[in-house]
Protein backbone atom coordinates (compact mmCIF):
# COMPACT_ATOMS: atom_id res chain seq x y z
CA MET A 1 116.56 103.94 89.66
CA THR A 2 117.60 107.17 91.40
CA ARG A 3 114.96 109.15 93.26
CA ILE A 4 114.96 112.81 92.34
CA THR A 5 115.74 115.29 95.09
CA ARG A 6 115.99 119.05 95.10
CA ARG A 7 119.76 118.74 94.64
CA THR A 8 119.53 116.33 91.73
CA ALA A 9 116.79 118.40 90.13
CA LEU A 10 119.09 121.39 90.15
CA ALA A 11 121.87 119.34 88.62
CA LEU A 12 119.90 117.65 85.85
CA PRO A 13 120.56 119.11 82.41
CA PHE A 14 118.04 121.63 81.19
CA ALA A 15 118.04 119.89 77.82
CA LEU A 16 115.88 117.18 79.38
CA ALA A 17 113.21 119.75 80.24
CA ALA A 18 112.84 121.89 77.15
CA PRO A 19 114.24 122.46 73.66
CA ALA A 20 117.32 124.62 73.43
CA ILE A 21 116.84 128.34 72.84
CA PRO A 22 119.77 130.71 72.26
CA ARG A 23 120.73 132.49 75.43
CA ALA A 24 119.93 136.15 75.88
CA GLN A 25 122.59 138.50 74.55
CA GLY A 26 123.73 140.75 77.38
CA ALA A 27 122.15 141.19 80.77
CA VAL A 28 118.40 141.61 81.00
CA ASP A 29 116.53 142.45 84.20
CA ILE A 30 112.89 141.41 84.48
CA THR A 31 110.35 142.00 87.22
CA VAL A 32 108.30 138.96 88.20
CA HIS A 33 105.23 139.08 90.42
CA TYR A 34 103.77 136.17 92.35
CA ALA A 35 101.32 135.81 95.24
CA GLN A 36 101.36 133.80 98.47
CA PRO A 37 105.09 133.82 99.25
CA PHE A 38 104.38 131.86 102.45
CA ILE A 39 103.58 128.93 100.14
CA PHE A 40 105.50 129.67 96.95
CA LYS A 41 108.80 131.29 98.01
CA PRO A 42 110.72 128.00 98.48
CA SER A 43 109.74 126.83 94.99
CA TYR A 44 110.63 130.12 93.31
CA ASP A 45 113.95 130.24 95.17
CA ALA A 46 114.84 126.75 93.94
CA ILE A 47 113.74 127.52 90.38
CA THR A 48 115.62 130.83 90.29
CA GLU A 49 118.80 129.05 91.35
CA ALA A 50 118.39 126.41 88.64
CA PHE A 51 117.45 128.96 85.97
CA ALA A 52 120.53 131.08 86.73
CA ARG A 53 122.69 128.13 85.69
CA ILE A 54 121.05 128.18 82.25
CA GLU A 55 120.51 131.91 81.72
CA PRO A 56 123.03 133.82 83.84
CA GLY A 57 122.31 136.97 81.85
CA ILE A 58 118.66 137.16 82.94
CA ARG A 59 118.23 138.64 86.39
CA ILE A 60 114.95 138.16 88.25
CA ASN A 61 113.53 140.85 90.54
CA TYR A 62 110.51 139.62 92.50
CA VAL A 63 107.43 141.47 93.69
CA ASN A 64 105.03 139.67 96.06
CA THR A 65 101.46 140.06 97.23
CA PRO A 66 99.84 138.16 100.12
CA ASN A 67 97.15 136.56 97.94
CA TYR A 68 95.79 136.31 94.42
CA GLN A 69 93.13 138.97 94.89
CA ASP A 70 95.67 141.57 96.04
CA GLY A 71 97.89 140.57 93.13
CA ALA A 72 95.09 141.12 90.64
CA GLN A 73 94.25 144.53 92.09
CA LEU A 74 97.93 145.51 92.01
CA LEU A 75 98.25 144.68 88.32
CA LEU A 76 95.02 146.41 87.40
CA ARG A 77 96.31 149.58 89.07
CA GLN A 78 99.70 149.25 87.44
CA ALA A 79 98.15 148.71 84.02
CA ALA A 80 96.49 152.11 84.33
CA THR A 81 99.86 153.78 84.95
CA ASN A 82 102.04 151.66 82.60
CA GLN A 83 104.05 150.21 85.50
CA LEU A 84 103.32 146.52 84.99
CA PRO A 85 105.85 143.81 85.85
CA ASP A 86 107.18 141.82 82.93
CA LEU A 87 105.69 138.53 84.14
CA SER A 88 102.96 137.84 86.68
CA TYR A 89 101.73 134.59 88.19
CA GLN A 90 98.01 135.06 88.77
CA GLY A 91 95.28 132.80 90.12
CA LEU A 92 93.80 130.54 87.46
CA ASN A 93 90.36 132.03 88.01
CA LEU A 94 91.68 135.57 87.47
CA LEU A 95 93.29 135.08 84.05
CA ARG A 96 90.02 135.91 82.37
CA VAL A 97 90.17 139.44 83.77
CA PHE A 98 93.56 140.08 82.17
CA ALA A 99 92.75 138.32 78.91
CA GLU A 100 89.58 140.37 78.38
CA ARG A 101 91.50 143.59 79.05
CA GLY A 102 94.42 142.71 76.79
CA ILE A 103 96.89 142.92 79.69
CA ALA A 104 97.98 139.29 79.35
CA GLN A 105 99.63 138.62 76.02
CA ASP A 106 98.60 135.62 73.94
CA LEU A 107 101.21 132.92 74.48
CA GLY A 108 99.93 130.76 71.63
CA PRO A 109 102.51 131.93 69.07
CA LEU A 110 105.39 131.46 71.53
CA ILE A 111 104.25 127.94 72.42
CA ALA A 112 103.90 127.04 68.73
CA ARG A 113 107.33 128.52 67.96
CA ASP A 114 109.00 126.11 70.37
CA GLY A 115 107.63 122.95 68.78
CA ASP A 116 105.17 120.25 69.75
CA PRO A 117 103.67 121.25 73.14
CA ALA A 118 102.87 117.65 74.11
CA ALA A 119 106.50 116.64 73.61
CA GLN A 120 107.40 119.25 76.22
CA GLY A 121 104.78 117.94 78.66
CA PHE A 122 102.08 120.53 77.88
CA THR A 123 99.01 118.40 77.24
CA PRO A 124 95.79 120.01 75.96
CA GLY A 125 94.21 119.66 79.38
CA LEU A 126 97.09 121.38 81.13
CA LEU A 127 97.21 124.15 78.53
CA SER A 128 93.48 124.68 79.03
CA LEU A 129 94.12 125.79 82.62
CA GLY A 130 95.63 128.99 81.24
CA ARG A 131 93.28 129.52 78.31
CA HIS A 132 90.25 131.78 78.04
CA ASN A 133 88.19 130.98 74.95
CA ASN A 134 90.93 130.60 72.29
CA TYR A 135 93.33 133.00 74.00
CA GLN A 136 96.32 131.43 75.78
CA ALA A 137 96.51 134.02 78.54
CA GLY A 138 98.89 132.04 80.73
CA LEU A 139 100.98 128.94 81.17
CA ALA A 140 100.00 127.00 84.29
CA TYR A 141 102.61 126.93 87.04
CA ALA A 142 100.82 125.13 89.86
CA ALA A 143 97.50 123.34 90.21
CA SER A 144 95.75 122.42 93.42
CA THR A 145 92.64 120.68 94.57
CA ALA A 146 91.32 120.37 98.09
CA ILE A 147 92.42 117.22 99.91
CA SER A 148 92.04 115.64 103.36
CA PHE A 149 94.75 116.11 106.00
CA ILE A 150 94.34 113.38 108.64
CA ASN A 151 95.84 112.70 112.06
CA ALA A 152 95.87 108.92 111.90
CA ASP A 153 96.60 108.58 115.63
CA LEU A 154 93.38 110.43 116.50
CA VAL A 155 91.52 108.38 113.90
CA ARG A 156 92.59 105.18 115.68
CA SER A 157 91.69 106.54 119.11
CA ALA A 158 88.21 107.31 117.77
CA GLY A 159 87.73 103.70 116.68
CA PHE A 160 88.38 104.11 112.93
CA ASP A 161 90.98 102.45 110.71
CA PRO A 162 93.22 104.97 108.88
CA ASP A 163 93.95 102.30 106.27
CA ASN A 164 90.25 102.01 105.49
CA LEU A 165 88.75 105.46 105.93
CA PRO A 166 85.23 106.34 104.75
CA GLN A 167 85.32 107.91 101.32
CA ASP A 168 82.23 110.13 101.48
CA TRP A 169 81.29 113.19 103.53
CA ASP A 170 78.78 111.30 105.66
CA GLY A 171 81.54 108.98 106.84
CA HIS A 172 83.99 111.82 107.43
CA LEU A 173 81.47 113.71 109.55
CA ARG A 174 80.94 110.57 111.65
CA LEU A 175 84.70 110.28 112.02
CA ALA A 176 85.09 113.92 113.07
CA ALA A 177 82.26 113.59 115.60
CA ALA A 178 83.90 110.48 117.06
CA VAL A 179 87.26 112.23 117.40
CA LYS A 180 85.58 115.11 119.22
CA ALA A 181 83.63 112.77 121.49
CA ARG A 182 86.27 110.16 122.36
CA SER A 183 89.71 111.68 122.15
CA GLY A 184 89.62 113.87 125.23
CA GLY A 185 90.13 117.36 123.91
CA PRO A 186 91.05 117.58 120.21
CA ASP A 187 88.52 118.94 117.73
CA GLY A 188 87.26 116.65 115.02
CA MET A 189 87.65 118.71 111.88
CA TRP A 190 88.02 122.07 110.20
CA PHE A 191 86.89 122.86 106.67
CA ALA A 192 88.58 125.81 104.93
CA TRP A 193 85.40 127.51 103.73
CA SER A 194 85.89 130.07 100.97
CA GLU A 195 84.60 130.84 97.48
CA TRP A 196 86.98 128.23 96.08
CA MET A 197 85.82 125.60 98.55
CA PHE A 198 82.17 126.55 98.01
CA GLN A 199 82.71 126.07 94.29
CA THR A 200 84.51 122.78 94.95
CA LEU A 201 81.50 121.42 96.83
CA VAL A 202 79.03 122.68 94.22
CA LEU A 203 81.05 120.85 91.55
CA SER A 204 81.28 117.80 93.83
CA HIS A 205 77.48 117.75 93.80
CA ALA A 206 77.71 117.79 89.96
CA GLY A 207 76.55 121.40 89.85
CA ALA A 208 77.88 124.52 88.14
CA MET A 209 78.39 128.17 89.03
CA MET A 210 76.70 129.61 85.93
CA THR A 211 74.68 128.36 82.99
CA PRO A 212 76.70 127.35 79.89
CA ASP A 213 75.83 130.60 78.10
CA GLU A 214 76.57 132.63 81.27
CA SER A 215 73.12 134.18 81.14
CA ASP A 216 72.47 133.44 84.83
CA ILE A 217 73.91 131.79 87.90
CA ALA A 218 73.45 128.03 88.27
CA PHE A 219 74.32 127.49 91.94
CA GLU A 220 70.95 128.66 93.33
CA GLY A 221 69.38 125.24 92.94
CA ALA A 222 69.72 121.91 94.68
CA GLU A 223 73.52 121.66 94.38
CA GLY A 224 74.13 125.04 96.00
CA LEU A 225 71.65 124.34 98.78
CA ALA A 226 73.21 120.94 99.46
CA THR A 227 76.61 122.64 99.63
CA LEU A 228 75.53 125.10 102.30
CA LYS A 229 73.68 122.37 104.19
CA LEU A 230 76.92 120.39 104.28
CA HIS A 231 78.63 123.43 105.80
CA GLU A 232 75.82 123.57 108.37
CA ARG A 233 76.27 119.87 109.21
CA MET A 234 80.00 120.34 109.76
CA VAL A 235 79.22 122.76 112.59
CA ALA A 236 76.15 121.02 113.99
CA GLU A 237 77.39 117.42 113.89
CA THR A 238 81.10 117.83 114.68
CA ALA A 239 81.23 121.07 116.72
CA MET A 240 83.65 122.44 114.12
CA PRO A 241 85.63 125.26 115.76
CA ALA A 242 85.79 128.85 114.49
CA LEU A 243 89.34 128.86 113.14
CA ASN A 244 91.12 130.43 110.20
CA ALA A 245 93.68 128.80 107.94
CA ASN A 246 96.65 129.73 110.11
CA THR A 247 95.14 128.68 113.44
CA ALA A 248 93.76 125.47 111.93
CA SER A 249 97.18 124.57 110.53
CA GLN A 250 98.77 125.22 113.92
CA ALA A 251 96.13 123.17 115.72
CA PHE A 252 96.59 120.26 113.33
CA ALA A 253 100.39 120.33 113.65
CA ALA A 254 100.04 120.32 117.44
CA GLY A 255 97.81 117.23 117.36
CA ARG A 256 94.65 119.11 118.44
CA LEU A 257 92.66 118.55 115.23
CA GLY A 258 91.64 115.22 113.73
CA ALA A 259 91.24 116.40 110.14
CA PHE A 260 91.26 119.49 108.05
CA TYR A 261 90.29 119.98 104.45
CA TRP A 262 92.23 122.49 102.41
CA THR A 263 94.53 122.92 99.46
CA THR A 264 97.24 120.43 98.62
CA ALA A 265 99.52 123.46 98.32
CA VAL A 266 100.31 123.31 102.03
CA VAL A 267 101.42 119.67 102.15
CA ARG A 268 105.11 120.58 102.36
CA ASN A 269 104.50 123.19 105.06
CA THR A 270 102.35 120.72 107.01
CA ILE A 271 104.97 117.98 106.82
CA ASN A 272 107.53 120.40 108.20
CA SER A 273 105.18 121.60 110.95
CA VAL A 274 104.01 118.15 112.07
CA GLY A 275 107.45 116.58 112.05
CA SER A 276 107.26 113.36 114.08
CA ASN A 277 104.44 114.53 116.37
CA PHE A 278 101.98 111.96 115.01
CA ASP A 279 101.11 109.76 112.04
CA PHE A 280 100.15 112.37 109.44
CA ARG A 281 98.49 111.20 106.24
CA THR A 282 96.70 112.74 103.27
CA TYR A 283 93.72 111.40 101.32
CA PRO A 284 91.58 112.59 98.42
CA LEU A 285 88.70 114.92 99.30
CA PRO A 286 85.56 112.98 100.31
CA VAL A 287 82.94 112.47 97.63
CA VAL A 288 79.23 113.19 97.88
CA ALA A 289 77.39 109.90 98.35
CA GLY A 290 75.11 109.00 95.47
CA VAL A 291 76.42 111.67 93.08
CA GLU A 292 77.92 110.65 89.75
CA GLY A 293 80.17 112.98 87.80
CA GLY A 294 81.22 115.21 90.67
CA THR A 295 84.39 117.22 90.05
CA LEU A 296 86.70 119.56 91.98
CA ALA A 297 87.59 123.18 91.31
CA THR A 298 91.23 123.43 90.33
CA GLY A 299 93.06 126.24 92.06
CA GLY A 300 96.60 127.37 91.48
CA SER A 301 98.37 129.89 89.33
CA ALA A 302 99.61 130.56 85.81
CA GLY A 303 102.27 132.88 84.51
CA MET A 304 101.19 135.58 82.09
CA ILE A 305 103.52 137.88 80.16
CA THR A 306 102.85 141.62 80.25
CA ALA A 307 106.24 142.94 79.02
CA ARG A 308 106.13 145.12 75.91
CA ASP A 309 109.87 145.59 75.44
CA PRO A 310 111.02 142.83 73.05
CA ALA A 311 114.12 141.88 75.04
CA LYS A 312 112.23 141.73 78.33
CA ARG A 313 109.37 139.84 76.71
CA GLU A 314 111.78 137.19 75.39
CA ALA A 315 113.50 136.92 78.76
CA ALA A 316 110.14 136.65 80.52
CA TRP A 317 109.10 133.87 78.16
CA LYS A 318 112.30 131.93 78.81
CA PHE A 319 111.75 132.13 82.56
CA LEU A 320 108.05 131.30 82.31
CA ARG A 321 108.71 128.32 80.10
CA PHE A 322 111.42 127.07 82.47
CA THR A 323 109.08 127.30 85.46
CA ALA A 324 106.56 125.24 83.50
CA SER A 325 109.11 122.71 82.22
CA ALA A 326 109.52 119.25 83.69
CA GLN A 327 112.52 120.40 85.71
CA GLY A 328 110.81 123.54 86.96
CA GLN A 329 107.66 121.66 87.84
CA ALA A 330 109.61 119.02 89.74
CA LEU A 331 111.14 121.75 91.87
CA MET A 332 107.76 123.44 92.31
CA ALA A 333 106.05 120.23 93.44
CA MET A 334 108.77 119.10 95.82
CA ASN A 335 108.89 122.51 97.48
CA SER A 336 105.14 123.01 97.88
CA GLY A 337 102.68 120.17 97.36
CA TYR A 338 100.90 121.54 94.31
CA VAL A 339 100.12 119.25 91.39
CA PRO A 340 102.61 119.69 88.52
CA CYS A 341 101.30 121.24 85.32
CA ASN A 342 103.66 119.29 83.11
CA GLN A 343 102.89 115.66 82.26
CA LEU A 344 106.56 114.75 81.84
CA ALA A 345 107.25 115.86 85.39
CA ILE A 346 104.62 113.43 86.65
CA ASP A 347 105.38 110.45 84.44
CA ASP A 348 109.13 110.50 83.83
CA PRO A 349 111.27 108.78 86.52
CA ARG A 350 113.90 111.48 85.99
CA TRP A 351 111.54 113.93 87.61
CA LEU A 352 108.70 113.04 89.99
CA ALA A 353 107.59 109.46 89.35
CA ASP A 354 109.93 108.07 92.01
CA PHE A 355 109.36 111.07 94.26
CA TYR A 356 105.63 110.34 94.53
CA ARG A 357 106.28 106.68 95.29
CA ALA A 358 108.66 107.63 98.08
CA ASN A 359 106.52 110.50 99.41
CA PRO A 360 102.90 109.29 99.43
CA ARG A 361 101.58 112.36 101.26
CA PHE A 362 102.18 114.34 98.07
CA GLY A 363 100.11 111.88 96.04
CA ALA A 364 96.54 112.58 97.19
CA ALA A 365 95.96 115.43 94.76
CA VAL A 366 97.64 113.53 91.92
CA ALA A 367 95.29 110.60 92.59
CA GLN A 368 92.26 112.83 92.12
CA MET A 369 93.47 114.51 88.92
CA PRO A 370 90.65 112.80 86.95
CA ARG A 371 88.20 114.85 89.07
CA MET A 372 89.88 118.18 88.30
CA ALA A 373 87.75 120.88 86.63
CA PRO A 374 88.47 124.55 85.87
CA TRP A 375 88.04 127.07 88.67
CA PHE A 376 85.18 129.07 87.20
CA ALA A 377 85.84 132.78 86.65
CA PHE A 378 82.78 135.02 86.71
CA PRO A 379 82.43 137.46 83.80
CA GLY A 380 82.75 141.21 84.19
CA ALA A 381 84.81 143.48 86.37
CA ASN A 382 83.40 142.43 89.77
CA GLY A 383 85.10 139.09 90.26
CA VAL A 384 86.68 140.04 93.58
CA ARG A 385 83.39 141.44 94.91
CA ILE A 386 81.57 138.28 93.83
CA THR A 387 84.12 136.22 95.76
CA GLU A 388 83.44 138.37 98.82
CA ALA A 389 79.67 137.92 98.44
CA ILE A 390 80.03 134.13 98.34
CA ASN A 391 82.43 134.16 101.30
CA ASN A 392 80.23 136.45 103.39
CA ASN A 393 77.09 134.41 102.91
CA THR A 394 78.88 131.13 103.52
CA SER A 395 80.26 132.53 106.77
CA ARG A 396 76.72 133.30 107.92
CA VAL A 397 75.94 129.58 107.76
CA ILE A 398 79.20 128.61 109.47
CA GLU A 399 78.51 131.13 112.26
CA ARG A 400 74.83 130.08 112.52
CA ARG A 401 73.60 133.57 111.64
CA ALA A 402 71.51 132.33 108.71
CA THR A 403 69.98 129.10 107.47
CA PRO A 404 71.32 127.60 104.25
CA GLU A 405 68.09 128.57 102.49
CA VAL A 406 68.31 132.23 103.50
CA ALA A 407 72.06 132.48 102.87
CA LEU A 408 71.75 130.92 99.41
CA ALA A 409 68.95 133.30 98.40
CA ASP A 410 70.99 136.28 99.58
CA MET A 411 74.12 134.96 97.87
CA ALA A 412 72.26 134.54 94.59
CA ARG A 413 70.83 138.06 94.84
CA ASP A 414 74.23 139.59 95.67
CA VAL A 415 76.05 137.80 92.84
CA ARG A 416 73.38 138.67 90.25
CA ARG A 417 73.71 142.35 91.14
CA LEU A 418 77.45 142.18 90.45
CA LEU A 419 77.25 140.39 87.10
CA PRO A 420 77.37 142.47 83.90
CA ARG A 421 74.01 143.31 82.41
CA ARG A 422 73.11 141.40 79.29
CA SER A 423 71.69 143.37 76.38
């Protein structure tokens, strides 16, 4: 059985990935926006090359933003001046904003037009990543959960077995403390704290961000407090350094960090950065001991169509569907580390089944797919400000400027003020 590579993925016939659709008549130019080019550019470059073989008459012009929040603000501004791109890949938690404003078009009719979604690899669960209520605002392009990046050499020097690591946070904190104490210089761990990671830990404690009817927040209780106390323990018990994502990634690649916990999206970049410096491995995110039913917030992006011109809308749909096809998702996964959003890409040996067997560092997030849960999107127009409120109060705990109890109370107050008033 032949293992798929980037070259073979480009060469495989598109007919394997999606049903045939007549090619566009004449040249059509479309503008496509996506965020985080430092992560996504290699995958979009590979997909654009493959797509051009199928649809040479559709030309793609890209617009980038550094992150999802900037991308959302850009589109909201452009919507007010009728200057929207034809297709935009937005964060999964931001689709609600565009669905409620009618900026993202409902993809349901287009999906139904092309036949059985499951036969194309679009399972109900994967489609739900891009759905708000009954509105199919987007088609998922990439999904991510937080995983563990481990320097197995430092693990051994600290007296632990990388083939039999602890599976819960208590064990990982002991491991990080041992690395700091015994390895002569390297730090034990770094946790990429953010709103997404805060939500991930709340869900890991079997909590929720809001009540089912969205009448109030739900993270103010025991699960939210336990989440901030875990942040506090990371600093107190392991001397976790004050790093950001870039400096933590550099420290890990240089062998100066035992473990870091962040998105699977950077697996490819980390492999390239580490090279042969040390034994680099990935593992699922630690669980919370004694908690049943804990899940993980699913990050990533989905493509949403905003084009109004019929020809551009059809061209945008063809490109979006190709990026979400088994072939497109194979290229996306191999060039990033994100979890594919097409079941055929995962299961079919023509795509990624052999790739995951041969590249186990890409498999940690796939292994924890049963724990995946939607990245909750807060209602109303203040989603970005709510994210900032959660980040700011979490940072107070990390920087030892507030206790978990005080920070959680302030976070709850700040978020409530930003939620829409209920009549």
